């Protein structure tokens, strides 16, 4: 039974590791989260400001305006964060940044590369009623729709 529980966590673990890597991995996060509770604790403490800078530097297609919109942070706040990465993000900001990193990591896997994933995030999707996935990331409900749609694409289920 224990082996089944571990097997069920495998996809989550790899997505979690990819999201953490986008945020700078153990060098910036200080350690790699091992499970959902570790992520929760990390977000409660506030992601290091440098994690946001790292994520922004890793973007290949999306620009600061797209990131700003996806994580619900104003351009001015994003600029302040860039200028002083020593300050941790708030719990809310941390949650949004983590969710964006998770979705980007999942989209990268499903689309076969980060460049394709970022392009997909910025294009209208039929399965999302013509909405751009990145525009839906501004709310938890929208992010859930994007995650569900990625799962449908991954498993070849189109609704």
Protein backbone atom coordinates (compact mmCIF):
# COMPACT_ATOMS: atom_id res chain seq x y z
CA UNK A 1 0.00 0.00 0.00
CA UNK A 2 2.81 2.39 0.82
CA UNK A 3 4.24 1.95 -2.68
CA UNK A 4 0.92 2.97 -4.25
CA UNK A 5 0.84 6.19 -2.26
CA UNK A 6 4.38 7.00 -3.37
CA UNK A 7 3.53 6.21 -7.00
CA UNK A 8 0.52 8.53 -6.84
CA UNK A 9 2.80 11.34 -5.64
CA UNK A 10 5.37 10.88 -8.44
CA UNK A 11 3.79 13.28 -10.99
CA UNK A 12 3.23 15.83 -8.23
CA UNK A 13 6.84 15.52 -7.09
CA UNK A 14 8.25 16.08 -10.57
CA UNK A 15 5.95 19.09 -11.17
CA UNK A 16 6.91 20.46 -7.77
CA UNK A 17 10.62 20.05 -8.57
CA UNK A 18 10.23 21.75 -11.95
CA UNK A 19 8.33 24.67 -10.38
CA UNK A 20 10.98 25.00 -7.66
CA UNK A 21 13.72 24.93 -10.30
CA UNK A 22 12.06 27.81 -12.18
CA UNK A 23 12.27 29.79 -8.93
CA UNK A 24 15.99 29.14 -8.50
CA UNK A 25 15.99 25.74 -6.81
CA UNK A 26 17.80 25.12 -3.53
CA UNK A 27 20.28 27.95 -4.14
CA UNK A 28 17.52 30.55 -3.82
CA UNK A 29 14.76 28.65 -2.01
CA UNK A 30 17.34 27.32 0.52
CA UNK A 31 15.95 23.78 0.08
CA UNK A 32 13.78 21.85 -2.33
CA UNK A 33 10.28 21.22 -1.02
CA UNK A 34 9.60 17.51 -0.65
CA UNK A 35 5.80 17.62 -0.48
CA UNK A 36 2.77 19.88 -0.40
CA UNK A 37 3.26 20.77 3.25
CA UNK A 38 6.80 21.92 2.52
CA UNK A 39 5.43 24.17 -0.21
CA UNK A 40 2.79 25.50 2.16
CA UNK A 41 5.44 26.35 4.77
CA UNK A 42 7.68 27.92 2.13
CA UNK A 43 4.83 30.14 0.94
CA UNK A 44 3.82 31.07 4.50
CA UNK A 45 7.34 32.33 5.14
CA UNK A 46 7.28 34.19 1.82
CA UNK A 47 9.32 33.21 -1.20
CA UNK A 48 12.64 35.02 -1.39
CA UNK A 49 12.35 38.09 -3.61
CA UNK A 50 15.19 36.68 -5.70
CA UNK A 51 12.90 33.76 -6.67
CA UNK A 52 10.68 36.19 -8.60
CA UNK A 53 13.72 37.71 -10.32
CA UNK A 54 14.94 34.23 -11.22
CA UNK A 55 11.56 33.32 -12.69
CA UNK A 56 11.48 36.52 -14.74
CA UNK A 57 15.01 35.89 -16.06
CA UNK A 58 14.04 32.37 -17.15
CA UNK A 59 11.12 33.53 -19.30
CA UNK A 60 11.81 33.12 -23.00
CA UNK A 61 8.74 34.58 -24.71
CA UNK A 62 6.58 36.22 -22.06
CA UNK A 63 7.54 39.73 -20.99
CA UNK A 64 7.31 41.56 -17.68
CA UNK A 65 3.80 42.81 -18.51
CA UNK A 66 2.55 39.25 -19.02
CA UNK A 67 4.22 38.09 -15.80
CA UNK A 68 2.84 41.08 -13.93
CA UNK A 69 -0.68 40.21 -15.08
CA UNK A 70 -0.32 36.48 -14.37
CA UNK A 71 0.89 36.97 -10.81
CA UNK A 72 -1.36 39.94 -10.05
CA UNK A 73 1.47 42.32 -9.27
CA UNK A 74 1.59 45.87 -10.56
CA UNK A 75 4.51 46.93 -12.71
CA UNK A 76 5.61 49.34 -9.97
CA UNK A 77 5.60 46.55 -7.35
CA UNK A 78 7.48 44.27 -9.74
CA UNK A 79 10.08 47.04 -10.25
CA UNK A 80 10.44 47.51 -6.48
CA UNK A 81 10.86 43.75 -6.07
CA UNK A 82 13.57 43.71 -8.75
CA UNK A 83 15.41 46.56 -7.05
CA UNK A 84 15.34 44.92 -3.60
CA UNK A 85 15.24 41.12 -3.98
CA UNK A 86 16.34 40.66 -0.35
CA UNK A 87 12.76 41.28 0.83
CA UNK A 88 10.57 38.15 0.89
CA UNK A 89 7.33 38.17 -1.05
CA UNK A 90 4.06 38.36 0.87
CA UNK A 91 2.11 35.14 1.40
CA UNK A 92 -0.33 36.15 -1.35
CA UNK A 93 2.43 37.11 -3.79
CA UNK A 94 4.30 33.90 -2.97
CA UNK A 95 1.22 31.82 -3.69
CA UNK A 96 0.63 33.49 -7.04
CA UNK A 97 4.28 33.23 -8.08
CA UNK A 98 4.39 29.55 -7.06
CA UNK A 99 1.15 28.81 -8.97
CA UNK A 100 2.50 30.51 -12.09
CA UNK A 101 5.73 28.49 -11.83
CA UNK A 102 3.70 25.28 -11.41
CA UNK A 103 1.54 26.02 -14.44
CA UNK A 104 4.54 27.03 -16.55
CA UNK A 105 6.33 23.81 -15.51
CA UNK A 106 3.27 21.71 -16.40
CA UNK A 107 2.74 23.51 -19.70
CA UNK A 108 6.43 23.03 -20.53
CA UNK A 109 6.05 19.29 -20.03
CA UNK A 110 2.80 19.06 -22.02
CA UNK A 111 3.93 21.35 -24.86
CA UNK A 112 7.39 19.84 -25.16
CA UNK A 113 9.44 22.89 -24.23
CA UNK A 114 9.30 26.15 -22.34
CA UNK A 115 9.21 28.35 -25.43
CA UNK A 116 6.17 26.44 -26.74
CA UNK A 117 4.58 26.58 -23.29
CA UNK A 118 4.96 30.33 -23.04
CA UNK A 119 3.60 30.81 -26.56
CA UNK A 120 0.63 28.58 -25.67
CA UNK A 121 -0.04 30.61 -22.51
CA UNK A 122 -0.28 33.77 -24.62
CA UNK A 123 -2.55 32.42 -27.37
CA UNK A 124 -6.36 32.08 -27.31
CA UNK A 125 -7.38 28.48 -26.59
CA UNK A 126 -10.52 26.92 -28.03
CA UNK A 127 -10.87 24.73 -24.92
CA UNK A 128 -10.97 27.91 -22.81
CA UNK A 129 -13.65 29.63 -24.92
CA UNK A 130 -11.04 31.57 -26.86
CA UNK A 131 -9.45 33.01 -23.72
CA UNK A 132 -5.68 33.21 -23.34
CA UNK A 133 -4.53 30.89 -20.55
CA UNK A 134 -2.28 33.63 -19.12
CA UNK A 135 -5.30 35.91 -18.71
CA UNK A 136 -7.06 33.29 -16.60
CA UNK A 137 -4.19 33.03 -14.12
CA UNK A 138 -5.31 36.18 -12.34
CA UNK A 139 -7.80 34.17 -10.23
CA UNK A 140 -7.58 30.83 -8.45
CA UNK A 141 -10.62 29.59 -10.40
CA UNK A 142 -9.03 30.60 -13.71
CA UNK A 143 -5.73 28.94 -12.79
CA UNK A 144 -7.64 25.76 -11.98
CA UNK A 145 -9.30 25.89 -15.41
CA UNK A 146 -5.89 26.23 -17.08
CA UNK A 147 -4.49 23.32 -15.06
CA UNK A 148 -7.48 21.15 -15.90
CA UNK A 149 -7.20 22.05 -19.59
CA UNK A 150 -3.49 21.18 -19.58
CA UNK A 151 -4.42 17.81 -18.09
CA UNK A 152 -6.95 17.27 -20.88
CA UNK A 153 -4.35 18.12 -23.52
CA UNK A 154 -1.81 15.85 -21.83
CA UNK A 155 -4.18 12.89 -21.87
CA UNK A 156 -5.78 13.67 -25.24
CA UNK A 157 -9.19 14.52 -23.78
CA UNK A 158 -10.80 17.48 -25.49
CA UNK A 159 -14.05 18.90 -24.19
